[in-house]
N, C-alpha and C. Protein backbone atom coordinates (compact mmCIF):
# COMPACT_ATOMS: atom_id res chain seq x y z
N MET A 1 0.39 18.42 42.57
CA MET A 1 -0.50 19.65 43.05
C MET A 1 -0.89 19.47 44.40
N TYR A 2 -0.73 20.42 45.45
CA TYR A 2 -0.92 20.15 46.74
C TYR A 2 -1.86 21.08 47.44
N TRP A 3 -2.84 21.47 46.87
CA TRP A 3 -3.74 22.49 47.24
C TRP A 3 -4.90 21.71 48.18
N TYR A 4 -5.39 22.24 49.13
CA TYR A 4 -6.32 21.62 49.80
C TYR A 4 -7.74 22.60 49.38
N GLN A 5 -8.60 21.87 48.54
CA GLN A 5 -9.60 22.57 48.09
C GLN A 5 -10.75 21.49 47.85
N ARG A 6 -11.96 21.62 48.07
CA ARG A 6 -12.94 20.72 47.69
C ARG A 6 -13.32 21.01 46.22
N THR A 7 -13.96 19.89 45.66
CA THR A 7 -14.28 20.19 44.18
C THR A 7 -15.39 21.33 44.09
N VAL A 8 -14.93 22.17 43.06
CA VAL A 8 -15.88 23.18 42.90
C VAL A 8 -16.59 23.59 41.34
N THR A 9 -16.05 22.83 40.65
CA THR A 9 -16.75 22.46 39.36
C THR A 9 -17.68 21.23 39.21
N GLU A 10 -18.43 21.13 38.03
CA GLU A 10 -19.41 20.20 38.13
C GLU A 10 -18.92 18.74 37.84
N SER A 11 -17.51 18.55 37.46
CA SER A 11 -17.10 17.18 37.30
C SER A 11 -15.60 17.22 37.80
N ILE A 12 -15.21 15.94 38.04
CA ILE A 12 -14.00 15.82 38.44
C ILE A 12 -12.89 16.06 37.20
N ALA A 13 -13.21 15.81 35.99
CA ALA A 13 -12.38 16.11 34.88
C ALA A 13 -12.09 17.68 34.83
N LYS A 14 -13.31 18.28 34.83
CA LYS A 14 -12.97 19.87 34.83
C LYS A 14 -12.25 20.48 35.93
N GLU A 15 -12.40 19.81 37.14
CA GLU A 15 -11.57 20.15 38.31
C GLU A 15 -10.20 19.86 38.22
N ILE A 16 -9.85 18.75 37.76
CA ILE A 16 -8.37 18.40 37.34
C ILE A 16 -7.86 19.43 36.39
N LEU A 17 -8.51 19.75 35.20
CA LEU A 17 -8.02 20.77 34.28
C LEU A 17 -7.88 21.97 35.00
N ARG A 18 -8.82 22.43 35.71
CA ARG A 18 -8.67 23.80 36.29
C ARG A 18 -7.47 23.87 37.53
N ASN A 19 -7.34 22.87 38.13
CA ASN A 19 -6.29 22.90 39.17
C ASN A 19 -4.98 22.72 38.43
N ALA A 20 -4.80 21.86 37.27
CA ALA A 20 -3.58 21.60 36.76
C ALA A 20 -3.12 22.95 36.10
N VAL A 21 -3.92 23.93 35.37
CA VAL A 21 -3.71 25.23 35.14
C VAL A 21 -3.10 26.11 36.17
N SER A 22 -3.96 25.97 37.10
CA SER A 22 -3.70 26.81 38.37
C SER A 22 -2.21 26.49 38.91
N ALA A 23 -2.05 25.18 39.12
CA ALA A 23 -0.77 24.65 39.41
C ALA A 23 0.45 25.25 38.71
N GLY A 24 0.19 25.15 37.50
CA GLY A 24 1.29 25.55 36.57
C GLY A 24 1.52 26.90 36.22
N GLU A 25 0.44 27.83 36.55
CA GLU A 25 0.62 29.30 36.29
C GLU A 25 0.50 30.03 37.55
N GLU A 26 -0.14 29.52 38.79
CA GLU A 26 -0.43 30.49 39.96
C GLU A 26 0.37 30.03 41.21
N ASP A 27 1.04 28.97 41.18
CA ASP A 27 1.55 28.55 42.41
C ASP A 27 2.67 29.44 42.77
N PRO A 28 2.37 30.27 44.00
CA PRO A 28 3.35 31.04 44.36
C PRO A 28 4.69 30.77 44.75
N ARG A 29 4.89 29.42 44.97
CA ARG A 29 6.19 28.94 45.35
C ARG A 29 7.21 28.78 44.08
N PHE A 30 6.59 28.88 42.86
CA PHE A 30 7.28 28.57 41.74
C PHE A 30 6.97 29.47 40.48
N PRO A 31 7.88 29.81 39.77
CA PRO A 31 7.65 30.59 38.55
C PRO A 31 6.55 29.88 37.70
N PRO A 32 5.88 30.50 36.80
CA PRO A 32 4.94 29.73 36.03
C PRO A 32 5.80 28.77 34.95
N VAL A 33 5.06 27.64 34.59
CA VAL A 33 5.67 26.52 33.78
C VAL A 33 5.73 27.20 32.37
N ARG A 34 7.06 26.94 31.68
CA ARG A 34 7.18 27.47 30.26
C ARG A 34 6.91 26.41 29.53
N VAL A 35 6.50 26.50 28.30
CA VAL A 35 6.25 25.49 27.13
C VAL A 35 7.23 24.50 27.06
N GLU A 36 8.47 25.02 27.18
CA GLU A 36 9.54 24.01 26.76
C GLU A 36 9.80 23.21 27.99
N GLU A 37 9.28 23.24 29.25
CA GLU A 37 9.41 22.38 30.31
C GLU A 37 8.38 21.34 30.24
N LEU A 38 7.27 21.44 29.58
CA LEU A 38 6.18 20.44 29.52
C LEU A 38 6.49 19.11 29.34
N PRO A 39 7.43 18.95 28.29
CA PRO A 39 7.76 17.38 28.06
C PRO A 39 8.48 16.75 29.17
N HIS A 40 9.08 17.61 30.04
CA HIS A 40 10.09 16.89 31.16
C HIS A 40 9.30 16.95 32.46
N ILE A 41 7.96 17.42 32.51
CA ILE A 41 7.21 17.32 33.88
C ILE A 41 6.58 15.94 34.01
N VAL A 42 6.46 15.39 35.24
CA VAL A 42 5.84 14.18 35.54
C VAL A 42 4.54 14.62 36.03
N TYR A 43 3.39 14.20 35.60
CA TYR A 43 2.05 14.58 35.99
C TYR A 43 1.56 13.45 36.77
N SER A 44 0.84 13.85 37.78
CA SER A 44 -0.02 12.93 38.75
C SER A 44 -1.01 13.75 39.23
N VAL A 45 -2.23 13.02 39.54
CA VAL A 45 -3.54 13.59 40.10
C VAL A 45 -3.69 12.59 41.29
N ASP A 46 -3.85 13.40 42.58
CA ASP A 46 -4.09 12.81 43.79
C ASP A 46 -5.57 12.98 44.08
N VAL A 47 -6.33 12.03 44.32
CA VAL A 47 -7.78 12.12 44.60
C VAL A 47 -7.86 11.71 46.06
N LEU A 48 -8.29 12.77 46.88
CA LEU A 48 -8.34 12.60 48.39
C LEU A 48 -9.73 12.09 48.81
N SER A 49 -9.69 11.16 49.74
CA SER A 49 -10.90 10.77 50.31
C SER A 49 -11.57 11.79 51.14
N GLU A 50 -12.64 11.91 51.58
CA GLU A 50 -13.32 12.67 52.40
C GLU A 50 -12.56 12.59 53.82
N SER A 51 -12.31 13.54 54.52
CA SER A 51 -11.52 13.57 55.73
C SER A 51 -12.32 13.10 56.83
N GLU A 52 -11.73 12.46 57.82
CA GLU A 52 -12.57 12.08 59.14
C GLU A 52 -11.83 12.71 60.35
N PRO A 53 -12.46 13.23 61.35
CA PRO A 53 -11.86 13.76 62.52
C PRO A 53 -11.18 12.51 63.42
N ILE A 54 -10.17 12.83 63.93
CA ILE A 54 -9.58 11.79 64.77
C ILE A 54 -9.12 12.68 66.06
N THR A 55 -8.90 11.71 67.25
CA THR A 55 -8.67 12.43 68.51
C THR A 55 -7.32 12.28 68.81
N SER A 56 -6.40 11.65 68.26
CA SER A 56 -5.17 11.59 68.62
C SER A 56 -4.15 11.26 67.45
N MET A 57 -2.82 11.49 67.67
CA MET A 57 -1.92 11.31 66.47
C MET A 57 -1.62 9.92 66.31
N GLU A 58 -2.07 9.07 67.30
CA GLU A 58 -1.89 7.54 67.22
C GLU A 58 -2.82 7.01 66.18
N GLU A 59 -3.78 7.75 65.87
CA GLU A 59 -4.76 7.16 64.61
C GLU A 59 -4.16 7.60 63.08
N LEU A 60 -2.87 8.24 63.12
CA LEU A 60 -2.34 8.64 61.89
C LEU A 60 -1.16 7.32 61.49
N ASP A 61 -0.96 7.37 60.34
CA ASP A 61 0.22 6.51 59.75
C ASP A 61 0.67 7.13 58.57
N VAL A 62 1.97 7.88 58.75
CA VAL A 62 2.47 8.65 57.64
C VAL A 62 2.48 7.90 56.24
N LYS A 63 2.50 6.75 56.19
CA LYS A 63 2.44 6.01 54.84
C LYS A 63 1.18 5.90 54.21
N ARG A 64 0.03 5.78 55.01
CA ARG A 64 -1.39 5.44 54.74
C ARG A 64 -2.10 6.83 54.53
N PHE A 65 -2.07 7.61 55.70
CA PHE A 65 -2.89 8.86 55.89
C PHE A 65 -2.31 10.20 55.79
N GLY A 66 -3.05 11.14 55.16
CA GLY A 66 -2.55 12.51 54.98
C GLY A 66 -3.41 13.18 56.18
N VAL A 67 -2.82 14.28 56.44
CA VAL A 67 -3.28 14.84 57.96
C VAL A 67 -3.74 16.52 57.54
N ILE A 68 -4.83 16.81 58.20
CA ILE A 68 -5.28 18.08 58.08
C ILE A 68 -5.40 18.62 59.76
N VAL A 69 -4.48 19.67 60.01
CA VAL A 69 -4.28 20.17 61.31
C VAL A 69 -5.20 21.62 61.32
N THR A 70 -5.88 21.71 62.32
CA THR A 70 -6.79 23.13 62.42
C THR A 70 -6.61 23.66 63.63
N SER A 71 -6.41 24.94 63.77
CA SER A 71 -6.49 25.87 64.88
C SER A 71 -7.40 27.01 64.50
N GLY A 72 -8.46 27.20 64.99
CA GLY A 72 -9.36 28.35 64.62
C GLY A 72 -9.72 28.43 63.16
N ARG A 73 -9.21 29.46 62.53
CA ARG A 73 -9.36 29.57 61.03
C ARG A 73 -8.18 29.02 60.21
N LYS A 74 -7.06 28.65 60.96
CA LYS A 74 -5.77 28.27 60.27
C LYS A 74 -6.01 26.68 59.98
N ARG A 75 -5.59 26.45 58.85
CA ARG A 75 -5.75 24.96 58.38
C ARG A 75 -4.51 24.65 57.58
N GLY A 76 -4.02 23.47 57.83
CA GLY A 76 -2.89 22.98 57.07
C GLY A 76 -3.05 21.46 56.58
N LEU A 77 -2.54 21.14 55.72
CA LEU A 77 -2.80 19.74 55.00
C LEU A 77 -1.32 19.18 54.45
N LEU A 78 -1.10 18.02 54.75
CA LEU A 78 0.10 17.31 54.33
C LEU A 78 -0.30 15.89 53.79
N LEU A 79 0.06 15.59 52.44
CA LEU A 79 -0.43 14.41 52.05
C LEU A 79 0.55 13.16 52.67
N PRO A 80 0.14 12.06 52.49
CA PRO A 80 0.84 10.86 52.98
C PRO A 80 1.91 10.49 52.14
N ASN A 81 2.92 9.56 52.76
CA ASN A 81 3.91 9.00 52.03
C ASN A 81 4.84 9.93 51.13
N LEU A 82 5.19 10.87 51.88
CA LEU A 82 6.09 11.71 51.23
C LEU A 82 7.61 11.54 51.75
N GLU A 83 8.45 11.61 50.62
CA GLU A 83 9.94 11.32 50.93
C GLU A 83 10.40 12.24 52.11
N GLY A 84 11.16 11.64 52.87
CA GLY A 84 11.65 12.35 54.25
C GLY A 84 10.70 12.62 55.19
N ILE A 85 9.52 12.42 55.32
CA ILE A 85 8.55 12.39 56.37
C ILE A 85 8.50 11.03 56.84
N ASP A 86 9.23 10.69 58.15
CA ASP A 86 9.05 9.45 58.53
C ASP A 86 8.09 9.23 59.89
N THR A 87 7.88 10.27 60.52
CA THR A 87 7.10 10.03 61.42
C THR A 87 5.81 10.92 61.74
N VAL A 88 4.85 10.56 62.41
CA VAL A 88 3.68 11.34 62.38
C VAL A 88 3.79 12.57 63.07
N GLN A 89 4.79 12.82 64.12
CA GLN A 89 5.11 14.00 64.60
C GLN A 89 5.75 15.15 63.55
N GLN A 90 6.47 14.52 62.56
CA GLN A 90 7.12 15.39 61.48
C GLN A 90 5.75 15.79 60.68
N GLN A 91 4.85 15.06 60.25
CA GLN A 91 3.89 14.98 59.41
C GLN A 91 2.83 16.28 60.03
N VAL A 92 2.61 16.16 61.31
CA VAL A 92 1.82 17.18 61.92
C VAL A 92 2.51 18.61 62.14
N ASP A 93 3.76 18.53 62.37
CA ASP A 93 4.57 19.73 62.54
C ASP A 93 4.77 20.28 61.28
N ILE A 94 4.85 19.66 60.05
CA ILE A 94 5.02 20.42 58.77
C ILE A 94 3.45 21.04 58.46
N ALA A 95 2.59 20.29 58.75
CA ALA A 95 1.05 20.79 58.42
C ALA A 95 0.73 21.91 59.32
N LYS A 96 1.29 21.92 60.58
CA LYS A 96 1.12 23.00 61.33
C LYS A 96 1.82 24.30 60.86
N LYS A 97 3.09 24.26 60.46
CA LYS A 97 3.92 25.32 60.03
C LYS A 97 3.19 25.80 58.67
N LYS A 98 2.75 24.92 57.76
CA LYS A 98 2.11 25.45 56.60
C LYS A 98 0.81 26.36 56.90
N ALA A 99 0.28 26.06 57.93
CA ALA A 99 -1.03 26.80 58.31
C ALA A 99 -0.59 28.00 59.11
N GLY A 100 0.62 28.11 59.66
CA GLY A 100 0.97 29.08 60.70
C GLY A 100 0.49 29.01 61.97
N ILE A 101 0.30 27.55 62.38
CA ILE A 101 -0.20 27.31 63.70
C ILE A 101 1.14 27.21 64.65
N TYR A 102 1.06 27.98 65.88
CA TYR A 102 2.11 27.86 66.79
C TYR A 102 2.03 26.42 67.60
N ASP A 103 3.29 26.04 68.25
CA ASP A 103 3.11 24.95 69.29
C ASP A 103 2.28 25.14 70.43
N ASN A 104 1.86 26.44 70.93
CA ASN A 104 1.13 26.53 71.92
C ASN A 104 -0.33 26.68 71.74
N GLU A 105 -0.70 26.54 70.38
CA GLU A 105 -2.17 26.64 70.02
C GLU A 105 -2.90 25.28 69.94
N LYS A 106 -3.98 25.27 70.60
CA LYS A 106 -4.80 24.00 70.52
C LYS A 106 -5.19 23.59 69.10
N ILE A 107 -5.14 22.41 68.78
CA ILE A 107 -5.37 21.87 67.46
C ILE A 107 -6.28 20.76 67.41
N SER A 108 -7.00 20.80 66.28
CA SER A 108 -7.82 19.43 65.83
C SER A 108 -7.26 18.80 64.77
N LEU A 109 -7.24 17.46 64.67
CA LEU A 109 -6.75 16.44 63.50
C LEU A 109 -7.84 15.86 62.78
N GLU A 110 -7.56 15.91 61.40
CA GLU A 110 -8.42 14.92 60.53
C GLU A 110 -7.40 14.07 59.76
N ARG A 111 -7.67 12.95 59.28
CA ARG A 111 -7.07 12.27 58.42
C ARG A 111 -7.91 11.81 57.26
N PHE A 112 -6.92 11.64 56.10
CA PHE A 112 -7.58 11.09 54.81
C PHE A 112 -6.77 10.25 53.95
N GLU A 113 -7.19 9.48 53.16
CA GLU A 113 -6.49 8.87 52.28
C GLU A 113 -6.21 9.24 50.88
N VAL A 114 -5.22 8.87 50.08
CA VAL A 114 -5.05 9.55 48.82
C VAL A 114 -4.86 8.33 47.71
N VAL A 115 -5.60 8.53 46.59
CA VAL A 115 -5.40 7.49 45.47
C VAL A 115 -4.58 8.48 44.42
N ARG A 116 -3.35 8.12 44.01
CA ARG A 116 -2.55 8.83 43.16
C ARG A 116 -2.63 8.06 41.66
N HIS A 117 -3.00 8.98 40.71
CA HIS A 117 -3.03 8.53 39.30
C HIS A 117 -1.93 9.20 38.62
N TYR A 118 -1.15 8.36 37.79
CA TYR A 118 0.01 9.09 37.00
C TYR A 118 -0.54 8.98 35.48
């Protein structure tokens, strides 16, 4: 699940359940998950640390840090250590694209770490 959203329920367990159902039924990129698909799905939960502002891309490491790119009200997030993303520039460009941020727009950057649970 790759949404960027702060916890809105009273516990992380309820937040995981709420997001799992949402990801399975409401992700606009995919059709809803069918019951017969459930045994074949690999489940994982990514817990993101609090983000911290950074002043340059030199403070990023694509294997260790995820990135949040912001321009005005537009905001894009990309997790760390994703297959096929080998450079910080790729990571930032993809996060910008997700947010609809153009190359000529001024951006601010934040980074965060992830603990993945299977």
